[in-house]
């Protein structure tokens, strides 16, 4: 698998992860508006960290 294919798969996986996190936050924090907002921000932070880590790993590949 070359870098380009890995990057495409990682991007699709990251977007799926973000979608799943948003759905989980929405379902688990239904009645708590304030906590739900923090949950969405937390989901974005996790997405950014995962995407950055994947980018760094892909950059280190030969």
Protein backbone atom coordinates (compact mmCIF):
# COMPACT_ATOMS: atom_id res chain seq x y z
CA UNK A 1 0.00 0.00 0.00
CA UNK A 2 1.51 3.31 -1.02
CA UNK A 3 1.30 6.65 0.75
CA UNK A 4 -1.54 8.00 -1.36
CA UNK A 5 -3.82 5.02 -0.69
CA UNK A 6 -3.03 5.11 3.02
CA UNK A 7 -3.77 8.83 3.16
CA UNK A 8 -7.15 8.37 1.47
CA UNK A 9 -8.11 5.50 3.78
CA UNK A 10 -6.98 7.46 6.84
CA UNK A 11 -8.99 10.51 5.76
CA UNK A 12 -12.15 8.48 5.24
CA UNK A 13 -11.60 6.74 8.58
CA UNK A 14 -11.12 10.07 10.35
CA UNK A 15 -14.36 11.47 8.95
CA UNK A 16 -16.22 8.29 9.96
CA UNK A 17 -14.71 8.60 13.46
CA UNK A 18 -15.88 12.22 13.71
CA UNK A 19 -19.39 11.26 12.60
CA UNK A 20 -19.56 8.43 15.13
CA UNK A 21 -18.33 10.71 17.91
CA UNK A 22 -20.96 13.35 17.05
CA UNK A 23 -23.71 10.72 17.07
CA UNK A 24 -22.51 9.32 20.41
CA UNK A 25 -22.41 12.77 21.99
CA UNK A 26 -25.86 13.58 20.66
CA UNK A 27 -27.35 10.29 21.90
CA UNK A 28 -25.71 10.15 25.33
CA UNK A 29 -26.14 13.80 26.32
CA UNK A 30 -29.67 14.34 25.01
CA UNK A 31 -31.11 16.39 27.87
CA UNK A 32 -27.98 18.22 28.98
CA UNK A 33 -27.47 21.10 26.54
CA UNK A 34 -24.38 22.55 28.25
CA UNK A 35 -22.61 19.19 28.47
CA UNK A 36 -23.60 18.35 24.91
CA UNK A 37 -21.80 21.47 23.66
CA UNK A 38 -18.66 20.44 25.53
CA UNK A 39 -19.03 16.95 24.11
CA UNK A 40 -19.07 18.29 20.56
CA UNK A 41 -15.95 20.35 21.26
CA UNK A 42 -14.29 17.27 22.75
CA UNK A 43 -15.20 15.26 19.65
CA UNK A 44 -13.56 17.91 17.46
CA UNK A 45 -10.44 17.87 19.64
CA UNK A 46 -10.20 14.07 19.34
CA UNK A 47 -10.66 14.36 15.57
CA UNK A 48 -7.88 16.96 15.28
CA UNK A 49 -5.49 14.90 17.42
CA UNK A 50 -6.16 11.69 15.46
CA UNK A 51 -5.85 13.46 12.10
CA UNK A 52 -2.60 15.12 13.17
CA UNK A 53 -1.13 11.86 14.44
CA UNK A 54 -2.03 10.08 11.20
CA UNK A 55 -0.48 12.91 9.19
CA UNK A 56 2.74 12.73 11.17
CA UNK A 57 2.95 8.94 10.76
CA UNK A 58 2.32 9.16 7.01
CA UNK A 59 4.96 11.88 6.72
CA UNK A 60 7.53 9.62 8.43
CA UNK A 61 6.96 6.81 5.94
CA UNK A 62 9.50 6.22 3.20
